[in-house]
Every structure is written in structure tokens, then in C-alpha cells.
Protein backbone atom coordinates (compact mmCIF):
# COMPACT_ATOMS: atom_id res chain seq x y z
CA UNK A 1 56.45 -205.04 -38.37
CA UNK A 2 56.09 -203.73 -34.82
CA UNK A 3 53.73 -200.97 -35.99
CA UNK A 4 51.62 -203.50 -37.93
CA UNK A 5 51.39 -205.77 -34.89
CA UNK A 6 50.36 -202.85 -32.68
CA UNK A 7 47.62 -201.83 -35.17
CA UNK A 8 46.36 -205.42 -35.33
CA UNK A 9 46.29 -205.67 -31.53
CA UNK A 10 44.40 -202.35 -31.24
CA UNK A 11 41.82 -203.53 -33.78
CA UNK A 12 41.30 -206.79 -31.87
CA UNK A 13 40.97 -204.84 -28.62
CA UNK A 14 38.36 -202.57 -30.21
CA UNK A 15 36.43 -205.58 -31.50
CA UNK A 16 36.50 -207.21 -28.06
CA UNK A 17 35.29 -203.97 -26.48
CA UNK A 18 32.42 -203.81 -28.99
CA UNK A 19 31.47 -207.42 -28.22
CA UNK A 20 31.52 -206.71 -24.47
CA UNK A 21 29.34 -203.60 -24.86
CA UNK A 22 26.83 -205.52 -26.99
CA UNK A 23 26.83 -208.36 -24.47
CA UNK A 24 26.18 -205.92 -21.63
CA UNK A 25 23.37 -204.38 -23.64
CA UNK A 26 21.75 -207.79 -24.22
CA UNK A 27 22.17 -208.75 -20.58
CA UNK A 28 20.58 -205.52 -19.42
CA UNK A 29 17.56 -205.93 -21.69
CA UNK A 30 14.36 -203.92 -21.35
CA UNK A 31 10.85 -204.50 -20.11
CA UNK A 32 7.96 -205.56 -22.32
CA UNK A 33 6.24 -202.18 -21.86
CA UNK A 34 9.38 -200.22 -22.76
CA UNK A 35 9.87 -202.34 -25.87
CA UNK A 36 6.16 -201.95 -26.72
CA UNK A 37 6.38 -198.15 -26.38
CA UNK A 38 9.44 -198.12 -28.64
CA UNK A 39 7.59 -200.10 -31.34
CA UNK A 40 4.45 -198.01 -30.89
CA UNK A 41 6.41 -194.84 -31.60
CA UNK A 42 7.61 -196.34 -34.88
CA UNK A 43 4.02 -197.03 -35.93
CA UNK A 44 3.07 -193.77 -37.65
CA UNK A 45 -0.73 -194.37 -37.90
CA UNK A 46 -0.89 -195.35 -34.22
CA UNK A 47 1.20 -192.35 -33.23
CA UNK A 48 -1.04 -190.08 -35.29
CA UNK A 49 -4.08 -191.59 -33.58
CA UNK A 50 -2.55 -190.91 -30.18
CA UNK A 51 -1.86 -187.30 -31.17
CA UNK A 52 -5.48 -186.83 -32.34
CA UNK A 53 -6.79 -188.30 -29.08
CA UNK A 54 -4.55 -186.03 -27.01
CA UNK A 55 -5.70 -183.08 -29.12
CA UNK A 56 -9.37 -183.78 -28.38
CA UNK A 57 -8.62 -184.34 -24.70
CA UNK A 58 -6.98 -180.91 -24.51
CA UNK A 59 -9.88 -179.38 -26.44
CA UNK A 60 -12.44 -180.93 -24.08
CA UNK A 61 -10.49 -179.92 -20.99
CA UNK A 62 -10.02 -176.32 -22.17
CA UNK A 63 -13.49 -176.00 -23.70
CA UNK A 64 -14.49 -172.88 -21.69
CA UNK A 65 -11.34 -171.13 -22.92
CA UNK A 66 -11.41 -172.35 -26.53
CA UNK A 67 -15.11 -171.99 -27.30
CA UNK A 68 -15.78 -168.57 -28.86
CA UNK A 69 -19.34 -168.45 -27.48
CA UNK A 70 -21.45 -170.27 -24.86
CA UNK A 71 -22.79 -173.48 -26.40
CA UNK A 72 -26.39 -172.88 -25.22
CA UNK A 73 -26.89 -169.19 -26.12
CA UNK A 74 -29.49 -168.77 -28.88
CA UNK A 75 -29.54 -165.83 -31.26
CA UNK A 76 -32.61 -166.54 -33.35
CA UNK A 77 -31.83 -163.69 -35.73
CA UNK A 78 -28.65 -165.58 -36.73
CA UNK A 79 -30.21 -169.00 -37.18
CA UNK A 80 -28.52 -171.00 -39.96
CA UNK A 81 -25.97 -168.21 -40.49
CA UNK A 82 -22.65 -169.16 -42.03
CA UNK A 83 -19.36 -167.45 -42.88
CA UNK A 84 -18.51 -166.77 -46.50
CA UNK A 85 -15.95 -169.60 -46.79
CA UNK A 86 -18.56 -172.18 -45.76
CA UNK A 87 -21.03 -170.83 -48.31
CA UNK A 88 -18.40 -171.01 -51.02
CA UNK A 89 -17.64 -174.63 -50.08
CA UNK A 90 -21.17 -175.91 -50.75
CA UNK A 91 -22.82 -175.00 -54.09
CA UNK A 92 -26.35 -175.47 -52.74
CA UNK A 93 -25.80 -172.69 -50.19
CA UNK A 94 -26.47 -169.27 -51.70
CA UNK A 95 -25.99 -166.09 -49.69
CA UNK A 96 -28.80 -163.59 -49.32
CA UNK A 97 -26.55 -160.98 -50.90
CA UNK A 98 -26.58 -163.13 -54.04
CA UNK A 99 -30.32 -163.68 -54.01
CA UNK A 100 -30.19 -166.83 -51.87
CA UNK A 101 -31.36 -167.78 -48.38
CA UNK A 102 -28.21 -168.00 -46.20
CA UNK A 103 -27.31 -165.23 -43.79
CA UNK A 104 -23.64 -164.33 -44.10
CA UNK A 105 -22.00 -163.78 -40.73
CA UNK A 106 -18.36 -163.79 -39.69
CA UNK A 107 -19.33 -164.03 -36.01
CA UNK A 108 -19.56 -167.83 -36.27
CA UNK A 109 -16.34 -169.53 -37.48
CA UNK A 110 -18.21 -172.67 -38.59
CA UNK A 111 -21.69 -171.21 -38.80
CA UNK A 112 -24.73 -171.35 -36.54
CA UNK A 113 -27.39 -174.06 -36.18
CA UNK A 114 -31.14 -173.68 -36.67
CA UNK A 115 -31.48 -172.06 -33.24
CA UNK A 116 -28.65 -169.58 -33.71
CA UNK A 117 -26.12 -171.45 -31.55
CA UNK A 118 -22.44 -171.43 -32.47
CA UNK A 119 -21.48 -174.71 -34.17
CA UNK A 120 -17.81 -174.53 -33.23
CA UNK A 121 -18.58 -174.03 -29.56
CA UNK A 122 -21.00 -176.95 -29.57
CA UNK A 123 -18.48 -179.21 -31.31
CA UNK A 124 -15.84 -178.28 -28.74
CA UNK A 125 -18.15 -179.03 -25.82
CA UNK A 126 -19.46 -182.14 -27.56
CA UNK A 127 -15.96 -183.64 -27.31
CA UNK A 128 -16.52 -183.90 -23.57
CA UNK A 129 -19.44 -186.29 -24.02
CA UNK A 130 -17.68 -188.58 -26.50
CA UNK A 131 -14.45 -188.68 -24.50
CA UNK A 132 -16.31 -189.29 -21.24
CA UNK A 133 -18.01 -192.30 -22.84
CA UNK A 134 -14.66 -193.40 -24.32
CA UNK A 135 -13.15 -193.65 -20.83
CA UNK A 136 -16.17 -194.60 -18.71
CA UNK A 137 -17.06 -197.52 -21.02
CA UNK A 138 -13.72 -199.33 -20.61
CA UNK A 139 -13.69 -198.59 -16.87
CA UNK A 140 -17.09 -200.26 -16.47
CA UNK A 141 -16.03 -203.19 -18.65
CA UNK A 142 -12.81 -203.64 -16.68
CA UNK A 143 -14.48 -203.29 -13.28
CA UNK A 144 -17.17 -205.90 -13.98
CA UNK A 145 -15.91 -208.02 -16.86
CA UNK A 146 -12.35 -208.42 -15.60
CA UNK A 147 -13.55 -209.42 -12.13
CA UNK A 148 -16.00 -211.97 -13.53
CA UNK A 149 -13.42 -213.36 -15.95
CA UNK A 150 -10.72 -213.69 -13.30
CA UNK A 151 -13.05 -215.49 -10.90
CA UNK A 152 -14.45 -217.80 -13.54
CA UNK A 153 -11.09 -218.68 -15.05
CA UNK A 154 -9.14 -219.14 -11.82
CA UNK A 155 -11.71 -220.90 -9.65
CA UNK A 156 -13.28 -222.97 -12.42
CA UNK A 157 -15.85 -225.65 -11.69
CA UNK A 158 -19.31 -224.54 -10.59
CA UNK A 159 -18.25 -220.91 -10.21
CA UNK A 160 -17.05 -220.84 -13.80
CA UNK A 161 -20.20 -222.54 -15.06
CA UNK A 162 -22.51 -220.19 -13.12
CA UNK A 163 -20.76 -216.98 -14.17
CA UNK A 164 -20.48 -217.98 -17.82
CA UNK A 165 -24.19 -218.85 -17.96
CA UNK A 166 -24.91 -215.31 -16.78
CA UNK A 167 -22.70 -214.01 -19.58
CA UNK A 168 -24.52 -216.22 -22.10
CA UNK A 169 -27.86 -214.91 -20.81
CA UNK A 170 -26.71 -211.33 -21.28
CA UNK A 171 -25.48 -212.17 -24.78
CA UNK A 172 -28.94 -213.49 -25.65
CA UNK A 173 -30.20 -209.90 -25.94
CA UNK A 174 -29.12 -207.76 -28.91
CA UNK A 175 -26.79 -205.23 -27.31
CA UNK A 176 -28.05 -202.13 -29.09
CA UNK A 177 -31.69 -203.05 -28.53
CA UNK A 178 -30.92 -203.76 -24.88
CA UNK A 179 -29.30 -200.32 -24.48
CA UNK A 180 -32.29 -198.64 -26.16
CA UNK A 181 -34.69 -200.44 -23.81
CA UNK A 182 -32.58 -199.46 -20.80
CA UNK A 183 -32.43 -195.82 -21.85
CA UNK A 184 -36.18 -195.76 -22.49
CA UNK A 185 -36.78 -197.24 -19.04
CA UNK A 186 -34.45 -194.73 -17.40
CA UNK A 187 -35.95 -191.75 -19.20
CA UNK A 188 -39.55 -192.72 -18.37
CA UNK A 189 -39.11 -194.41 -15.00
CA UNK A 190 -37.06 -191.61 -13.47
CA UNK A 191 -39.01 -188.72 -14.98
CA UNK A 192 -41.23 -187.96 -11.95
CA UNK A 193 -39.78 -189.81 -8.95
CA UNK A 194 -40.93 -189.39 -5.36
CA UNK A 195 -38.74 -187.00 -3.38
CA UNK A 196 -36.16 -188.64 -1.14
CA UNK A 197 -36.02 -191.91 -3.06
CA UNK A 198 -33.08 -193.42 -4.93
CA UNK A 199 -34.89 -192.65 -8.19
CA UNK A 200 -34.98 -188.96 -7.27
CA UNK A 201 -31.26 -188.94 -6.44
CA UNK A 202 -30.37 -190.66 -9.72
CA UNK A 203 -32.67 -188.31 -11.61
CA UNK A 204 -30.95 -185.26 -10.14
CA UNK A 205 -27.51 -186.68 -10.91
CA UNK A 206 -28.57 -187.38 -14.47
CA UNK A 207 -29.96 -183.86 -14.90
CA UNK A 208 -26.85 -182.25 -13.42
CA UNK A 209 -24.63 -184.26 -15.80
CA UNK A 210 -26.68 -183.27 -18.82
CA UNK A 211 -28.18 -186.73 -19.22
CA UNK A 212 -24.87 -188.60 -19.31
CA UNK A 213 -25.36 -190.64 -16.11
CA UNK A 214 -27.93 -192.98 -17.62
CA UNK A 215 -25.80 -193.31 -20.77
CA UNK A 216 -22.91 -194.46 -18.60
CA UNK A 217 -25.16 -196.92 -16.77
CA UNK A 218 -26.65 -198.25 -20.01
CA UNK A 219 -23.25 -198.74 -21.67
CA UNK A 220 -21.73 -200.15 -18.47
CA UNK A 221 -24.46 -202.79 -18.14
CA UNK A 222 -23.89 -204.02 -21.69
CA UNK A 223 -20.13 -203.65 -22.20
CA UNK A 224 -18.60 -206.17 -19.79
CA UNK A 225 -19.55 -209.54 -21.33
CA UNK A 226 -16.84 -209.58 -23.99
CA UNK A 227 -14.24 -208.56 -21.42
CA UNK A 228 -15.39 -211.36 -19.10
CA UNK A 229 -14.95 -213.99 -21.79
CA UNK A 230 -11.58 -212.62 -22.87
CA UNK A 231 -10.27 -212.45 -19.29
CA UNK A 232 -11.49 -216.00 -18.57
CA UNK A 233 -9.75 -217.35 -21.65
CA UNK A 234 -6.52 -215.58 -20.77
CA UNK A 235 -6.62 -216.87 -17.19
CA UNK A 236 -7.22 -220.43 -18.39
CA UNK A 237 -4.16 -220.15 -20.63
CA UNK A 238 -1.80 -219.11 -17.82
CA UNK A 239 -3.15 -220.57 -14.58
CA UNK A 240 -1.31 -223.90 -15.07
CA UNK A 241 2.02 -222.32 -16.02
CA UNK A 242 5.14 -223.19 -14.04
CA UNK A 243 5.41 -219.82 -12.30
CA UNK A 244 1.82 -220.12 -11.05
CA UNK A 245 2.53 -223.61 -9.72
CA UNK A 246 5.67 -222.25 -8.04
CA UNK A 247 3.66 -219.46 -6.40
CA UNK A 248 1.18 -222.02 -5.07
CA UNK A 249 4.01 -224.23 -3.81
CA UNK A 250 5.49 -221.29 -1.92
CA UNK A 251 2.18 -220.81 -0.11
CA UNK A 252 0.88 -217.83 -2.04
CA UNK A 253 -2.76 -216.96 -1.43
CA UNK A 254 -5.22 -217.03 -4.30
CA UNK A 255 -5.79 -213.29 -4.26
CA UNK A 256 -2.06 -212.57 -4.35
CA UNK A 257 -1.50 -215.09 -7.13
CA UNK A 258 -4.28 -213.52 -9.20
CA UNK A 259 -3.23 -209.90 -8.66
CA UNK A 260 0.56 -210.34 -8.71
CA UNK A 261 1.12 -213.16 -11.19
CA UNK A 262 -1.90 -213.76 -13.40
CA UNK A 263 -3.23 -210.24 -13.95
CA UNK A 264 0.08 -208.63 -15.06
CA UNK A 265 0.59 -211.42 -17.62
CA UNK A 266 -2.86 -211.06 -19.22
CA UNK A 267 -3.02 -207.26 -19.13
CA UNK A 268 -1.61 -206.74 -22.63
CA UNK A 269 -4.41 -208.44 -24.63
CA UNK A 270 -7.00 -206.88 -22.35
CA UNK A 271 -5.69 -203.34 -22.92
CA UNK A 272 -5.62 -203.93 -26.67
CA UNK A 273 -9.15 -205.36 -26.71
CA UNK A 274 -10.60 -202.46 -24.75
CA UNK A 275 -8.84 -199.87 -26.89
CA UNK A 276 -10.31 -201.47 -30.02
CA UNK A 277 -13.76 -201.48 -28.36
CA UNK A 278 -13.76 -197.77 -27.47
CA UNK A 279 -15.07 -196.67 -30.90
CA UNK A 280 -18.13 -198.86 -30.38
CA UNK A 281 -18.87 -197.05 -27.10
CA UNK A 282 -18.58 -193.69 -28.83
CA UNK A 283 -20.78 -194.89 -31.70
CA UNK A 284 -23.39 -196.17 -29.22
CA UNK A 285 -23.59 -192.79 -27.49
CA UNK A 286 -23.78 -190.98 -30.83
CA UNK A 287 -26.58 -193.29 -32.00
CA UNK A 288 -28.53 -192.83 -28.76
CA UNK A 289 -28.21 -189.06 -29.07
CA UNK A 290 -29.18 -189.31 -32.75
CA UNK A 291 -32.49 -191.01 -31.90
CA UNK A 292 -33.16 -188.73 -28.93
CA UNK A 293 -32.21 -191.07 -26.06
CA UNK A 294 -28.81 -189.55 -25.35
CA UNK A 295 -27.84 -186.38 -23.52
CA UNK A 296 -30.42 -183.84 -22.50
CA UNK A 297 -30.64 -180.61 -24.53
CA UNK A 298 -29.01 -178.14 -24.61
CA UNK A 299 -25.97 -180.29 -23.68
CA UNK A 300 -24.15 -180.70 -27.00
CA UNK A 301 -23.39 -184.14 -28.40
CA UNK A 302 -21.97 -184.89 -31.80
CA UNK A 303 -24.68 -187.47 -32.41
CA UNK A 304 -27.43 -184.99 -31.56
CA UNK A 305 -25.80 -182.34 -33.76
CA UNK A 306 -25.68 -184.78 -36.67
CA UNK A 307 -29.34 -185.60 -36.07
CA UNK A 308 -30.31 -181.92 -36.08
CA UNK A 309 -28.17 -181.22 -39.13
CA UNK A 310 -29.58 -184.18 -41.06
CA UNK A 311 -33.01 -182.53 -41.13
CA UNK A 312 -31.65 -179.63 -43.18
CA UNK A 313 -28.75 -181.36 -44.91
CA UNK A 314 -30.02 -180.36 -48.33
CA UNK A 315 -29.85 -176.65 -47.51
CA UNK A 316 -27.22 -176.46 -44.76
CA UNK A 317 -24.96 -179.53 -45.13
CA UNK A 318 -22.23 -178.09 -42.91
CA UNK A 319 -24.42 -178.46 -39.82
CA UNK A 320 -24.21 -182.26 -40.13
CA UNK A 321 -20.82 -182.52 -41.85
CA UNK A 322 -18.65 -180.72 -39.28
CA UNK A 323 -19.78 -182.74 -36.21
CA UNK A 324 -19.62 -185.89 -38.33
CA UNK A 325 -15.98 -185.13 -39.17
CA UNK A 326 -15.22 -184.64 -35.48
CA UNK A 327 -16.86 -187.99 -34.66
CA UNK A 328 -15.01 -189.61 -37.56
CA UNK A 329 -11.64 -188.31 -36.38
CA UNK A 330 -11.94 -189.54 -32.79
CA UNK A 331 -13.24 -192.99 -33.79
CA UNK A 332 -10.52 -193.56 -36.36
CA UNK A 333 -7.89 -192.29 -33.90
CA UNK A 334 -8.87 -194.96 -31.36
CA UNK A 335 -8.94 -197.59 -34.10
CA UNK A 336 -5.42 -196.71 -35.26
CA UNK A 337 -4.16 -196.61 -31.66
CA UNK A 338 -5.76 -199.98 -30.93
CA UNK A 339 -4.14 -201.56 -33.98
CA UNK A 340 -0.80 -200.10 -32.99
CA UNK A 341 -1.12 -201.39 -29.42
CA UNK A 342 -2.02 -204.84 -30.71
CA UNK A 343 1.21 -204.98 -32.70
CA UNK A 344 3.31 -203.35 -29.98
CA UNK A 345 2.14 -205.67 -27.19
CA UNK A 346 2.36 -208.85 -29.24
CA UNK A 347 5.15 -210.93 -27.59
CA UNK A 348 5.95 -212.49 -30.97
CA UNK A 349 6.87 -209.04 -32.29
CA UNK A 350 9.35 -208.30 -29.49
CA UNK A 351 12.75 -207.47 -30.86
CA UNK A 352 11.39 -207.16 -34.41
CA UNK A 353 11.66 -203.75 -36.09
């Protein structure tokens, strides 16, 4: 009997210890961002998207080391050359050794374009353009749109009405057409500027960046309206909450209330929205390069490579297919990551496996 009572007491003690440890765990808790990161890691598509994005970032950063050849060196004797495995992949490509028209060369891992430039090297360097747009676009949208949305939502009244009418005016123009008009204006208006003027300085900066400066300006001028509306709506939903009223009652200044109390509580939806918008920035740059309003040759861009490859897609389909696959991978990676962030940062999903 004594042994049985001791076993029963030890079991009850163990149960009480387990309850205490669980209670301590619940009391300790974890932050929203830590819980979001935990749920994001369990989302396999989102995690795969993050891995693909990190892969392309490393490739772009180490482009001079990874590229087998300079991206702008032309070897006209090797134009449209391709390795044997590429020729075997596409039935319409027939090697010259077999009575066809394709030069077989193992010097180009993915083949050469119509000017004898290495396709792999150009794809590697082209990642820099797409990733630069992927990060500059959200930065411009956050810098302008978030500021406008915070001011309009928090101050309200005439300020809100004035700023939102500007947003409505910007929305009146089709975004893609507006970007095309801006790029056309930049390319023609800054072609022959007077020395010493702002136009000359911007023209030199654009030339030194391979034509990316005006792309950044064009995308930045057209990417902030959606962010402004989203930020305004989020501010309107939280500005009358109890903790905001308490901050006002304690004498908090407007700027401190906005930066310390409102902004941290609306950051989740804003991050998700911008992540989901990144593929549209990349697609805009690719389209501009496709129609000849993007980067300046010989700076490689996946959109420009697809445009060049589309002219000979019947004979050399790999010249358009390989850069298209690279563009496809980075856009889908950001889409998967954005979907995963949306689920991970949803407060209703907190604590749900």
C-alpha cells in the first residue's frame, strides 16, 4: 500500500510539474514576428520561393565570378552556336555536322546569341536588373505611398481629401501606358542635354547605370498609389483604438504616435502587399526592355533577351526559352513568398498549425 501511494504521489507531482511548465510557456509567449517566421517555415511553397530568391541574389552578387565569359564580348564567328545537349533538346535545331545550320560549340554552356555573346553570362548579369527593380520598386512605393497614406489617414479632413484626389488623378492614367510615356520622354528629352544642367547629370547617371535610372524613376512614379490607399485604410482602422487614445492622453506627439504606435501595427499587411506587388515591377521592367524602352545595350536584361530570342524562336528557341525560364522562376518565387507571408502575418492564423 505504501509503495502504491508513493507511486500515485509521484505521478501527481509529475502532472503538476507538466502543468506548471506549460503555464510558464504560455505566460512567456512569443512575438508576432517570431510566430510568423515559425509558420512561414512550415509553408513549403513559400520557403521554396525564399530559397529561389536567395539563390538569384547570390548569383547577381557573384556575377563576375560565376559568369564564364564577359556578357558584352561578341564573337561573330560563334553567333547562334549551341552545345550538343541543347541541339538534341529541340528537334528543329539541326547541327551543321548533320547537314543543318547550327554551329556546335561546347564553349557556351547554354549557347550563344545572334551576336556571339554567351547566353549564360547574360542571364547571370540580367538577374541584377530584375532584382534591382524588385527592391527599388517597393522602396519607392514605401517612401512615397506610405508617407501619403499615413498623413491622409491620420490627419483626415482637408489633408485627406487633397491627397486622395491626387491619388485618384494618378489612377486616371493607365499605369503601363503612363510608364511607356515617361520612358519615351526620358529617352528623348535627355538624349542631348546642355552640359552642366540637371538633364545632363541625370543622363550621365542613366548611362553609367546601363539605362536603369530612368526605369527606377518611371516605376517609382507609378507604383505608390496602391500603397497610399492601403496605408490610409490601415491607419483609419487603428487610429481610434484604445492604445492610440491612451497615447494621446499621455501627451504623445503626433509624429511619435504615428511612428511608434500606428506604423508597427499596420506594417504586416503593407509588407505582404508589397511582396505580392514585386512581380508586377519585374514584369514592367521586362516589358519595357522587350519593346526597347528598358536598359541600354549591351546591358543584359531578361526582357531584352526574350525580345531578341523571339525573332529567331523558330530556329533557335533556346535563346528565348532560357531567359524566359529565369524570369518565370523569380516571379513565381516572389508570388509564393508573398502568399506565405500573407498567411504567416495574418493575426487570425496565430497559434494555428
